[in-house]
Amino acid sequence: MRCSARRVADLGCGPGPLFERLIQEDRFEALTGVELRLGDLDTLKTRVAPIDTRTELRFVHGSFLDSALDLTGHDTFVMLETLEHIEPDALSQVERAFFVLRQPRTVIITTPNADYNPVLGLKPGRRRHWDHRFEWGRERFRHWATGVAGRNDCTVRFDDVGPCASGLGAPTQMATFERRAPGR
């Protein structure tokens, strides 16, 4: 993570590949894993239990879209390959939960880049996973993220994740939203 995150919530953490990686770094004060699938959360707890850390660890079973879920005190939210599992009609709820209600300083979202799918051998209209509700190409993702940033007084930076194919980008795309400092 290139940002100055100290207290991170991994939203839709699954069995915890990112969480497990972050726990190895000394710079984090607190890490919270949020996951709907209880089995995945239990797997994460088991995987990180033997790790010796001073980082405060928290595991939350539930939906990060639930406004009653207490995520106060986090400066960064990460949604790693989770957005595409949400129904498109509910994306406004993601925006509300992250940028209106909770307002962390940084939000990092990654999602598959549909433009890259032919490199993976996928036929047009096919998705990478049976549970993906959608997969966006780079232009559509940038349009959505730029709109979110504009409506919520944030800047947004885009990055490729993985090897790039000529004219198609990388397999994964990332948007990093930073809340503007007052007066900017």
N, C-alpha and C. Protein backbone atom coordinates (compact mmCIF):
# COMPACT_ATOMS: atom_id res chain seq x y z
N MET A 1 0.84 -1.18 0.00
CA MET A 1 0.00 0.00 0.00
C MET A 1 0.88 1.23 0.00
N ARG A 2 0.64 2.11 -0.95
CA ARG A 2 1.46 3.31 -1.05
C ARG A 2 0.93 4.44 -0.17
N CYS A 3 -0.24 4.34 0.36
CA CYS A 3 -0.81 5.40 1.19
C CYS A 3 -0.27 5.29 2.62
N SER A 4 -0.62 6.25 3.43
CA SER A 4 -0.12 6.27 4.82
C SER A 4 -1.09 5.57 5.78
N ALA A 5 -1.71 4.52 5.32
CA ALA A 5 -2.69 3.80 6.12
C ALA A 5 -2.09 3.27 7.42
N ARG A 6 -2.85 3.41 8.50
CA ARG A 6 -2.46 2.85 9.80
C ARG A 6 -3.53 1.91 10.34
N ARG A 7 -4.80 2.20 10.00
CA ARG A 7 -5.93 1.40 10.50
C ARG A 7 -6.78 1.02 9.28
N VAL A 8 -6.68 -0.25 8.88
CA VAL A 8 -7.24 -0.70 7.61
C VAL A 8 -8.39 -1.68 7.84
N ALA A 9 -9.47 -1.49 7.09
CA ALA A 9 -10.58 -2.45 7.05
C ALA A 9 -10.56 -3.12 5.69
N ASP A 10 -10.39 -4.45 5.69
CA ASP A 10 -10.40 -5.26 4.48
C ASP A 10 -11.83 -5.76 4.30
N LEU A 11 -12.56 -5.14 3.39
CA LEU A 11 -13.99 -5.37 3.23
C LEU A 11 -14.24 -6.45 2.18
N GLY A 12 -14.91 -7.51 2.60
CA GLY A 12 -15.08 -8.66 1.74
C GLY A 12 -13.77 -9.43 1.71
N CYS A 13 -13.17 -9.62 2.87
CA CYS A 13 -11.81 -10.16 2.98
C CYS A 13 -11.68 -11.61 2.58
N GLY A 14 -12.80 -12.35 2.49
CA GLY A 14 -12.71 -13.76 2.15
C GLY A 14 -11.85 -14.49 3.16
N PRO A 15 -11.09 -15.49 2.72
CA PRO A 15 -10.23 -16.22 3.66
C PRO A 15 -8.96 -15.43 4.02
N GLY A 16 -8.81 -14.22 3.47
CA GLY A 16 -7.80 -13.31 3.98
C GLY A 16 -6.44 -13.20 3.33
N PRO A 17 -6.30 -13.39 2.01
CA PRO A 17 -4.95 -13.28 1.44
C PRO A 17 -4.33 -11.89 1.65
N LEU A 18 -5.10 -10.83 1.48
CA LEU A 18 -4.57 -9.48 1.72
C LEU A 18 -4.33 -9.26 3.20
N PHE A 19 -5.28 -9.62 4.01
CA PHE A 19 -5.20 -9.45 5.46
C PHE A 19 -3.93 -10.13 5.99
N GLU A 20 -3.70 -11.35 5.53
CA GLU A 20 -2.54 -12.11 5.98
C GLU A 20 -1.23 -11.41 5.57
N ARG A 21 -1.23 -10.81 4.42
CA ARG A 21 -0.04 -10.08 3.95
C ARG A 21 0.18 -8.81 4.77
N LEU A 22 -0.91 -8.08 5.03
CA LEU A 22 -0.79 -6.82 5.78
C LEU A 22 -0.34 -7.05 7.22
N ILE A 23 -0.75 -8.15 7.80
CA ILE A 23 -0.42 -8.43 9.20
C ILE A 23 1.10 -8.60 9.39
N GLN A 24 1.79 -8.91 8.31
CA GLN A 24 3.24 -9.10 8.36
C GLN A 24 4.00 -7.77 8.44
N GLU A 25 3.32 -6.65 8.14
CA GLU A 25 3.97 -5.35 8.15
C GLU A 25 3.79 -4.68 9.51
N ASP A 26 4.84 -4.10 10.01
CA ASP A 26 4.84 -3.48 11.33
C ASP A 26 4.06 -2.16 11.41
N ARG A 27 3.80 -1.53 10.30
CA ARG A 27 3.28 -0.17 10.33
C ARG A 27 1.79 -0.05 10.65
N PHE A 28 1.06 -1.15 10.66
CA PHE A 28 -0.38 -1.07 10.89
C PHE A 28 -0.71 -1.17 12.37
N GLU A 29 -1.54 -0.25 12.83
CA GLU A 29 -2.01 -0.26 14.22
C GLU A 29 -3.17 -1.23 14.40
N ALA A 30 -4.05 -1.28 13.38
CA ALA A 30 -5.25 -2.11 13.47
C ALA A 30 -5.64 -2.62 12.09
N LEU A 31 -6.08 -3.87 12.05
CA LEU A 31 -6.60 -4.49 10.83
C LEU A 31 -7.93 -5.15 11.17
N THR A 32 -8.92 -4.86 10.35
CA THR A 32 -10.24 -5.46 10.53
C THR A 32 -10.63 -6.19 9.25
N GLY A 33 -11.00 -7.45 9.39
CA GLY A 33 -11.50 -8.22 8.26
C GLY A 33 -13.01 -8.30 8.36
N VAL A 34 -13.70 -7.93 7.30
CA VAL A 34 -15.16 -7.97 7.25
C VAL A 34 -15.57 -8.94 6.15
N GLU A 35 -16.39 -9.92 6.50
CA GLU A 35 -16.78 -10.94 5.53
C GLU A 35 -18.16 -11.48 5.84
N LEU A 36 -18.95 -11.67 4.79
CA LEU A 36 -20.30 -12.25 4.91
C LEU A 36 -20.26 -13.76 5.14
N ARG A 37 -19.32 -14.44 4.50
CA ARG A 37 -19.25 -15.90 4.61
C ARG A 37 -18.48 -16.27 5.88
N LEU A 38 -19.21 -16.81 6.84
CA LEU A 38 -18.63 -17.16 8.14
C LEU A 38 -17.48 -18.16 8.00
N GLY A 39 -17.60 -19.11 7.09
CA GLY A 39 -16.54 -20.09 6.86
C GLY A 39 -15.24 -19.43 6.44
N ASP A 40 -15.32 -18.43 5.56
CA ASP A 40 -14.12 -17.71 5.14
C ASP A 40 -13.51 -16.94 6.31
N LEU A 41 -14.36 -16.34 7.13
CA LEU A 41 -13.85 -15.59 8.29
C LEU A 41 -13.17 -16.53 9.28
N ASP A 42 -13.76 -17.70 9.50
CA ASP A 42 -13.13 -18.69 10.38
C ASP A 42 -11.79 -19.16 9.82
N THR A 43 -11.71 -19.35 8.51
CA THR A 43 -10.45 -19.73 7.87
C THR A 43 -9.39 -18.66 8.10
N LEU A 44 -9.78 -17.39 7.93
CA LEU A 44 -8.85 -16.28 8.15
C LEU A 44 -8.34 -16.29 9.59
N LYS A 45 -9.24 -16.42 10.54
CA LYS A 45 -8.83 -16.43 11.95
C LYS A 45 -7.81 -17.54 12.22
N THR A 46 -8.06 -18.70 11.66
CA THR A 46 -7.16 -19.84 11.84
C THR A 46 -5.79 -19.57 11.20
N ARG A 47 -5.80 -18.96 10.03
CA ARG A 47 -4.54 -18.69 9.31
C ARG A 47 -3.68 -17.67 10.04
N VAL A 48 -4.29 -16.68 10.67
CA VAL A 48 -3.48 -15.62 11.29
C VAL A 48 -3.24 -15.86 12.78
N ALA A 49 -3.91 -16.82 13.38
CA ALA A 49 -3.75 -17.08 14.82
C ALA A 49 -2.29 -17.28 15.24
N PRO A 50 -1.49 -18.03 14.47
CA PRO A 50 -0.12 -18.24 14.92
C PRO A 50 0.83 -17.06 14.68
N ILE A 51 0.38 -16.03 14.01
CA ILE A 51 1.25 -14.90 13.68
C ILE A 51 1.39 -14.00 14.90
N ASP A 52 2.62 -13.74 15.29
CA ASP A 52 2.92 -12.86 16.42
C ASP A 52 2.90 -11.42 15.92
N THR A 53 2.00 -10.61 16.45
CA THR A 53 1.87 -9.23 15.99
C THR A 53 1.41 -8.33 17.12
N ARG A 54 1.78 -7.07 17.03
CA ARG A 54 1.27 -6.06 17.96
C ARG A 54 0.05 -5.34 17.37
N THR A 55 -0.25 -5.66 16.13
CA THR A 55 -1.39 -5.05 15.45
C THR A 55 -2.69 -5.53 16.07
N GLU A 56 -3.59 -4.59 16.33
CA GLU A 56 -4.92 -4.95 16.84
C GLU A 56 -5.68 -5.62 15.69
N LEU A 57 -6.19 -6.83 15.93
CA LEU A 57 -6.92 -7.58 14.91
C LEU A 57 -8.38 -7.69 15.30
N ARG A 58 -9.23 -7.50 14.30
CA ARG A 58 -10.67 -7.61 14.53
C ARG A 58 -11.28 -8.35 13.34
N PHE A 59 -12.23 -9.22 13.63
CA PHE A 59 -12.90 -9.99 12.59
C PHE A 59 -14.40 -9.77 12.73
N VAL A 60 -15.03 -9.32 11.65
CA VAL A 60 -16.44 -8.96 11.70
C VAL A 60 -17.21 -9.77 10.67
N HIS A 61 -18.20 -10.50 11.17
CA HIS A 61 -19.09 -11.25 10.28
C HIS A 61 -20.26 -10.35 9.94
N GLY A 62 -20.37 -10.00 8.67
CA GLY A 62 -21.47 -9.15 8.24
C GLY A 62 -21.16 -8.48 6.91
N SER A 63 -22.08 -7.63 6.51
CA SER A 63 -21.96 -6.90 5.25
C SER A 63 -21.46 -5.49 5.51
N PHE A 64 -20.45 -5.10 4.76
CA PHE A 64 -19.95 -3.73 4.91
C PHE A 64 -20.97 -2.71 4.42
N LEU A 65 -22.02 -3.15 3.75
CA LEU A 65 -23.09 -2.25 3.33
C LEU A 65 -24.06 -1.95 4.47
N ASP A 66 -23.99 -2.71 5.55
CA ASP A 66 -24.86 -2.52 6.71
C ASP A 66 -24.41 -1.28 7.47
N SER A 67 -25.26 -0.26 7.50
CA SER A 67 -24.88 1.00 8.14
C SER A 67 -24.69 0.85 9.65
N ALA A 68 -25.21 -0.21 10.24
CA ALA A 68 -25.05 -0.45 11.68
C ALA A 68 -23.69 -1.07 12.01
N LEU A 69 -23.01 -1.56 11.00
CA LEU A 69 -21.69 -2.18 11.22
C LEU A 69 -20.70 -1.10 11.64
N ASP A 70 -20.07 -1.30 12.77
CA ASP A 70 -19.14 -0.30 13.31
C ASP A 70 -17.76 -0.42 12.68
N LEU A 71 -17.44 0.50 11.80
CA LEU A 71 -16.12 0.56 11.17
C LEU A 71 -15.44 1.89 11.48
N THR A 72 -15.82 2.51 12.59
CA THR A 72 -15.21 3.79 12.96
C THR A 72 -13.74 3.57 13.30
N GLY A 73 -12.97 4.62 13.11
CA GLY A 73 -11.56 4.58 13.48
C GLY A 73 -10.64 4.06 12.39
N HIS A 74 -11.17 3.66 11.25
CA HIS A 74 -10.32 3.18 10.16
C HIS A 74 -10.01 4.34 9.21
N ASP A 75 -8.75 4.46 8.84
CA ASP A 75 -8.41 5.52 7.88
C ASP A 75 -8.43 5.01 6.44
N THR A 76 -8.46 3.69 6.27
CA THR A 76 -8.43 3.12 4.92
C THR A 76 -9.37 1.92 4.82
N PHE A 77 -10.14 1.90 3.73
CA PHE A 77 -10.96 0.74 3.38
C PHE A 77 -10.36 0.13 2.11
N VAL A 78 -10.30 -1.18 2.08
CA VAL A 78 -9.83 -1.88 0.89
C VAL A 78 -10.91 -2.87 0.47
N MET A 79 -11.25 -2.83 -0.81
CA MET A 79 -12.16 -3.80 -1.42
C MET A 79 -11.39 -4.49 -2.53
N LEU A 80 -10.80 -5.62 -2.23
CA LEU A 80 -9.97 -6.34 -3.18
C LEU A 80 -10.82 -7.38 -3.90
N GLU A 81 -11.06 -7.15 -5.20
CA GLU A 81 -11.83 -8.10 -6.02
C GLU A 81 -13.17 -8.45 -5.36
N THR A 82 -13.89 -7.43 -4.92
CA THR A 82 -15.17 -7.62 -4.25
C THR A 82 -16.31 -6.90 -4.97
N LEU A 83 -16.01 -5.75 -5.55
CA LEU A 83 -17.03 -4.91 -6.18
C LEU A 83 -17.89 -5.69 -7.17
N GLU A 84 -17.25 -6.53 -7.97
CA GLU A 84 -17.95 -7.26 -9.04
C GLU A 84 -18.91 -8.32 -8.52
N HIS A 85 -18.90 -8.58 -7.21
CA HIS A 85 -19.83 -9.54 -6.60
C HIS A 85 -21.10 -8.86 -6.10
N ILE A 86 -21.18 -7.56 -6.29
CA ILE A 86 -22.33 -6.78 -5.83
C ILE A 86 -23.23 -6.48 -7.03
N GLU A 87 -24.52 -6.61 -6.83
CA GLU A 87 -25.46 -6.29 -7.91
C GLU A 87 -25.26 -4.83 -8.34
N PRO A 88 -25.24 -4.56 -9.64
CA PRO A 88 -25.04 -3.19 -10.11
C PRO A 88 -26.00 -2.17 -9.49
N ASP A 89 -27.25 -2.60 -9.22
CA ASP A 89 -28.23 -1.69 -8.60
C ASP A 89 -27.80 -1.27 -7.20
N ALA A 90 -26.93 -2.04 -6.55
CA ALA A 90 -26.51 -1.76 -5.17
C ALA A 90 -25.22 -0.95 -5.08
N LEU A 91 -24.64 -0.59 -6.21
CA LEU A 91 -23.38 0.16 -6.16
C LEU A 91 -23.54 1.52 -5.51
N SER A 92 -24.72 2.11 -5.59
CA SER A 92 -24.96 3.37 -4.88
C SER A 92 -24.88 3.16 -3.38
N GLN A 93 -25.21 1.95 -2.90
CA GLN A 93 -25.08 1.64 -1.48
C GLN A 93 -23.61 1.57 -1.06
N VAL A 94 -22.75 1.08 -1.94
CA VAL A 94 -21.31 1.06 -1.68
C VAL A 94 -20.82 2.50 -1.52
N GLU A 95 -21.21 3.34 -2.46
CA GLU A 95 -20.81 4.75 -2.40
C GLU A 95 -21.29 5.39 -1.10
N ARG A 96 -22.53 5.15 -0.75
CA ARG A 96 -23.07 5.73 0.49
C ARG A 96 -22.34 5.20 1.73
N ALA A 97 -22.13 3.88 1.78
CA ALA A 97 -21.49 3.27 2.95
C ALA A 97 -20.05 3.76 3.13
N PHE A 98 -19.34 3.95 2.04
CA PHE A 98 -17.93 4.33 2.12
C PHE A 98 -17.73 5.83 2.21
N PHE A 99 -18.34 6.55 1.30
CA PHE A 99 -18.00 7.96 1.12
C PHE A 99 -18.92 8.93 1.84
N VAL A 100 -20.13 8.50 2.18
CA VAL A 100 -21.07 9.40 2.85
C VAL A 100 -21.12 9.10 4.35
N LEU A 101 -21.38 7.85 4.71
CA LEU A 101 -21.54 7.49 6.12
C LEU A 101 -20.23 7.39 6.89
N ARG A 102 -19.24 6.71 6.32
CA ARG A 102 -18.04 6.38 7.10
C ARG A 102 -16.85 7.29 6.80
N GLN A 103 -16.68 7.72 5.61
CA GLN A 103 -15.68 8.70 5.19
C GLN A 103 -14.25 8.43 5.65
N PRO A 104 -13.68 7.27 5.30
CA PRO A 104 -12.26 7.07 5.59
C PRO A 104 -11.44 8.00 4.69
N ARG A 105 -10.20 8.19 5.05
CA ARG A 105 -9.33 9.07 4.26
C ARG A 105 -9.04 8.45 2.88
N THR A 106 -8.89 7.12 2.84
CA THR A 106 -8.52 6.43 1.61
C THR A 106 -9.43 5.22 1.39
N VAL A 107 -9.83 5.02 0.14
CA VAL A 107 -10.57 3.83 -0.27
C VAL A 107 -9.86 3.25 -1.49
N ILE A 108 -9.52 1.97 -1.41
CA ILE A 108 -8.85 1.29 -2.52
C ILE A 108 -9.76 0.18 -3.01
N ILE A 109 -10.08 0.21 -4.31
CA ILE A 109 -10.97 -0.78 -4.91
C ILE A 109 -10.28 -1.40 -6.11
N THR A 110 -10.22 -2.74 -6.13
CA THR A 110 -9.75 -3.43 -7.33
C THR A 110 -10.90 -4.27 -7.88
N THR A 111 -10.86 -4.47 -9.19
CA THR A 111 -11.88 -5.25 -9.86
C THR A 111 -11.29 -5.79 -11.17
N PRO A 112 -11.80 -6.92 -11.67
CA PRO A 112 -11.27 -7.43 -12.94
C PRO A 112 -11.44 -6.41 -14.07
N ASN A 113 -10.51 -6.43 -14.98
CA ASN A 113 -10.58 -5.61 -16.19
C ASN A 113 -11.13 -6.49 -17.31
N ALA A 114 -12.38 -6.27 -17.69
CA ALA A 114 -13.01 -7.09 -18.73
C ALA A 114 -12.31 -6.97 -20.07
N ASP A 115 -11.62 -5.85 -20.32
CA ASP A 115 -10.89 -5.69 -21.58
C ASP A 115 -9.82 -6.77 -21.74
N TYR A 116 -9.31 -7.28 -20.63
CA TYR A 116 -8.23 -8.26 -20.62
C TYR A 116 -8.73 -9.70 -20.80
N ASN A 117 -10.02 -9.91 -20.66
CA ASN A 117 -10.57 -11.26 -20.67
C ASN A 117 -10.20 -12.11 -21.90
N PRO A 118 -10.09 -11.53 -23.12
CA PRO A 118 -9.67 -12.36 -24.27
C PRO A 118 -8.28 -12.99 -24.08
N VAL A 119 -7.40 -12.29 -23.37
CA VAL A 119 -6.06 -12.83 -23.09
C VAL A 119 -6.18 -14.09 -22.24
N LEU A 120 -7.22 -14.15 -21.42
CA LEU A 120 -7.46 -15.31 -20.55
C LEU A 120 -8.24 -16.42 -21.26
N GLY A 121 -8.56 -16.19 -22.54
CA GLY A 121 -9.28 -17.20 -23.31
C GLY A 121 -10.79 -17.16 -23.14
N LEU A 122 -11.30 -16.08 -22.53
CA LEU A 122 -12.74 -15.98 -22.33
C LEU A 122 -13.42 -15.41 -23.58
N LYS A 123 -14.52 -16.00 -23.93
CA LYS A 123 -15.29 -15.52 -25.07
C LYS A 123 -16.06 -14.26 -24.67
N PRO A 124 -16.42 -13.41 -25.64
CA PRO A 124 -17.17 -12.18 -25.32
C PRO A 124 -18.42 -12.49 -24.49
N GLY A 125 -18.63 -11.70 -23.46
CA GLY A 125 -19.78 -11.85 -22.59
C GLY A 125 -19.57 -12.83 -21.44
N ARG A 126 -18.48 -13.59 -21.47
CA ARG A 126 -18.19 -14.54 -20.37
C ARG A 126 -17.47 -13.81 -19.25
N ARG A 127 -17.73 -14.26 -18.02
CA ARG A 127 -17.09 -13.66 -16.85
C ARG A 127 -16.11 -14.64 -16.24
N ARG A 128 -15.21 -14.12 -15.45
CA ARG A 128 -14.15 -14.94 -14.86
C ARG A 128 -14.64 -15.85 -13.73
N HIS A 129 -15.74 -15.49 -13.10
CA HIS A 129 -16.22 -16.27 -11.96
C HIS A 129 -17.73 -16.32 -12.01
N TRP A 130 -18.30 -17.43 -11.61
CA TRP A 130 -19.75 -17.61 -11.68
C TRP A 130 -20.51 -16.59 -10.84
N ASP A 131 -19.88 -16.05 -9.79
CA ASP A 131 -20.58 -15.13 -8.89
C ASP A 131 -20.37 -13.65 -9.26
N HIS A 132 -19.63 -13.37 -10.31
CA HIS A 132 -19.48 -11.97 -10.73
C HIS A 132 -20.80 -11.48 -11.31
N ARG A 133 -21.29 -10.38 -10.78
CA ARG A 133 -22.53 -9.79 -11.28
C ARG A 133 -22.27 -8.95 -12.53
N PHE A 134 -21.03 -8.49 -12.68
CA PHE A 134 -20.61 -7.70 -13.84
C PHE A 134 -19.09 -7.72 -13.88
N GLU A 135 -18.54 -7.39 -15.01
CA GLU A 135 -17.11 -7.10 -15.15
C GLU A 135 -17.01 -5.92 -16.10
N TRP A 136 -16.30 -4.90 -15.66
CA TRP A 136 -16.16 -3.67 -16.44
C TRP A 136 -14.82 -3.60 -17.12
N GLY A 137 -14.84 -3.02 -18.32
CA GLY A 137 -13.61 -2.64 -18.97
C GLY A 137 -13.07 -1.37 -18.32
N ARG A 138 -11.88 -0.95 -18.75
CA ARG A 138 -11.22 0.19 -18.12
C ARG A 138 -12.03 1.48 -18.24
N GLU A 139 -12.61 1.72 -19.41
CA GLU A 139 -13.37 2.97 -19.60
C GLU A 139 -14.57 3.03 -18.67
N ARG A 140 -15.32 1.96 -18.54
CA ARG A 140 -16.51 1.94 -17.68
C ARG A 140 -16.13 2.09 -16.20
N PHE A 141 -15.07 1.41 -15.77
CA PHE A 141 -14.62 1.52 -14.39
C PHE A 141 -14.17 2.94 -14.08
N ARG A 142 -13.43 3.54 -14.98
CA ARG A 142 -12.96 4.92 -14.77
C ARG A 142 -14.13 5.90 -14.72
N HIS A 143 -15.12 5.67 -15.56
CA HIS A 143 -16.30 6.53 -15.56
C HIS A 143 -17.01 6.45 -14.21
N TRP A 144 -17.24 5.23 -13.72
CA TRP A 144 -17.90 5.05 -12.43
C TRP A 144 -17.09 5.69 -11.30
N ALA A 145 -15.80 5.37 -11.24
CA ALA A 145 -14.95 5.86 -10.15
C ALA A 145 -14.78 7.38 -10.18
N THR A 146 -14.68 7.95 -11.36
CA THR A 146 -14.56 9.41 -11.48
C THR A 146 -15.84 10.08 -10.99
N GLY A 147 -16.98 9.50 -11.29
CA GLY A 147 -18.26 10.02 -10.80
C GLY A 147 -18.34 9.95 -9.29
N VAL A 148 -17.94 8.83 -8.71
CA VAL A 148 -17.93 8.66 -7.25
C VAL A 148 -17.03 9.72 -6.62
N ALA A 149 -15.84 9.88 -7.16
CA ALA A 149 -14.89 10.86 -6.61
C ALA A 149 -15.45 12.27 -6.68
N GLY A 150 -16.03 12.62 -7.81
CA GLY A 150 -16.59 13.96 -7.99
C GLY A 150 -17.74 14.26 -7.04
N ARG A 151 -18.58 13.28 -6.80
CA ARG A 151 -19.72 13.49 -5.90
C ARG A 151 -19.33 13.52 -4.43
N ASN A 152 -18.11 13.06 -4.11
CA ASN A 152 -17.75 12.89 -2.71
C ASN A 152 -16.46 13.61 -2.31
N ASP A 153 -16.10 14.63 -3.07
CA ASP A 153 -14.95 15.48 -2.76
C ASP A 153 -13.68 14.67 -2.54
N CYS A 154 -13.41 13.76 -3.48
CA CYS A 154 -12.21 12.92 -3.43
C CYS A 154 -11.43 13.09 -4.72
N THR A 155 -10.16 12.75 -4.67
CA THR A 155 -9.39 12.55 -5.88
C THR A 155 -9.38 11.05 -6.13
N VAL A 156 -9.12 10.66 -7.36
CA VAL A 156 -9.01 9.24 -7.67
C VAL A 156 -7.83 9.02 -8.61
N ARG A 157 -7.07 7.98 -8.32
CA ARG A 157 -5.92 7.60 -9.15
C ARG A 157 -6.16 6.17 -9.62
N PHE A 158 -5.80 5.89 -10.85
CA PHE A 158 -6.00 4.56 -11.43
C PHE A 158 -4.66 3.89 -11.67
N ASP A 159 -4.62 2.59 -11.38
CA ASP A 159 -3.42 1.80 -11.60
C ASP A 159 -3.79 0.45 -12.19
N ASP A 160 -2.86 -0.13 -12.94
CA ASP A 160 -2.99 -1.50 -13.43
C ASP A 160 -2.37 -2.43 -12.39
N VAL A 161 -2.96 -3.61 -12.25
CA VAL A 161 -2.41 -4.63 -11.36
C VAL A 161 -2.15 -5.87 -12.21
N GLY A 162 -0.88 -6.21 -12.35
CA GLY A 162 -0.50 -7.36 -13.15
C GLY A 162 0.10 -6.93 -14.47
N PRO A 163 0.48 -7.92 -15.27
CA PRO A 163 1.13 -7.62 -16.55
C PRO A 163 0.12 -7.04 -17.54
N CYS A 164 0.56 -6.03 -18.28
CA CYS A 164 -0.32 -5.37 -19.26
C CYS A 164 -0.19 -6.04 -20.62
N ALA A 165 -1.32 -6.16 -21.31
CA ALA A 165 -1.35 -6.62 -22.70
C ALA A 165 -1.59 -5.39 -23.57
N SER A 166 -0.95 -5.33 -24.69
CA SER A 166 -1.03 -4.18 -25.57
C SER A 166 -2.49 -3.79 -25.88
N GLY A 167 -2.84 -2.58 -25.50
CA GLY A 167 -4.17 -2.05 -25.77
C GLY A 167 -5.28 -2.57 -24.87
N LEU A 168 -4.95 -3.51 -23.98
CA LEU A 168 -5.98 -4.12 -23.13
C LEU A 168 -5.80 -3.82 -21.65
N GLY A 169 -4.64 -3.37 -21.27
CA GLY A 169 -4.37 -3.12 -19.85
C GLY A 169 -3.98 -4.40 -19.14
N ALA A 170 -4.13 -4.38 -17.82
CA ALA A 170 -3.76 -5.52 -16.96
C ALA A 170 -5.00 -6.33 -16.61
N PRO A 171 -4.82 -7.51 -16.02
CA PRO A 171 -5.98 -8.33 -15.65
C PRO A 171 -6.86 -7.68 -14.59
N THR A 172 -6.25 -6.86 -13.74
CA THR A 172 -6.98 -6.20 -12.66
C THR A 172 -6.74 -4.70 -12.73
N GLN A 173 -7.77 -3.95 -12.41
CA GLN A 173 -7.67 -2.49 -12.38
C GLN A 173 -7.94 -2.01 -10.96
N MET A 174 -7.31 -0.89 -10.61
CA MET A 174 -7.43 -0.38 -9.24
C MET A 174 -7.72 1.12 -9.26
N ALA A 175 -8.61 1.52 -8.37
CA ALA A 175 -8.89 2.94 -8.13
C ALA A 175 -8.56 3.23 -6.68
N THR A 176 -7.78 4.28 -6.45
CA THR A 176 -7.46 4.72 -5.10
C THR A 176 -8.07 6.10 -4.91
N PHE A 177 -9.03 6.17 -4.01
CA PHE A 177 -9.73 7.41 -3.70
C PHE A 177 -9.09 8.03 -2.46
N GLU A 178 -8.81 9.32 -2.52
CA GLU A 178 -8.27 10.04 -1.36
C GLU A 178 -9.20 11.22 -1.09
N ARG A 179 -9.64 11.32 0.16
CA ARG A 179 -10.48 12.43 0.57
C ARG A 179 -9.64 13.71 0.54
N ARG A 180 -10.20 14.75 -0.05
CA ARG A 180 -9.49 16.02 -0.11
C ARG A 180 -9.38 16.62 1.28
N ALA A 181 -8.25 17.23 1.55
CA ALA A 181 -8.09 17.94 2.82
C ALA A 181 -8.97 19.18 2.79
N PRO A 182 -9.52 19.58 3.92
CA PRO A 182 -10.35 20.79 3.95
C PRO A 182 -9.58 21.97 3.35
N GLY A 183 -10.27 22.76 2.54
CA GLY A 183 -9.67 23.94 1.92
C GLY A 183 -8.97 23.66 0.60
N ARG A 184 -9.02 22.40 0.10
CA ARG A 184 -8.36 22.09 -1.17
C ARG A 184 -9.34 21.99 -2.29
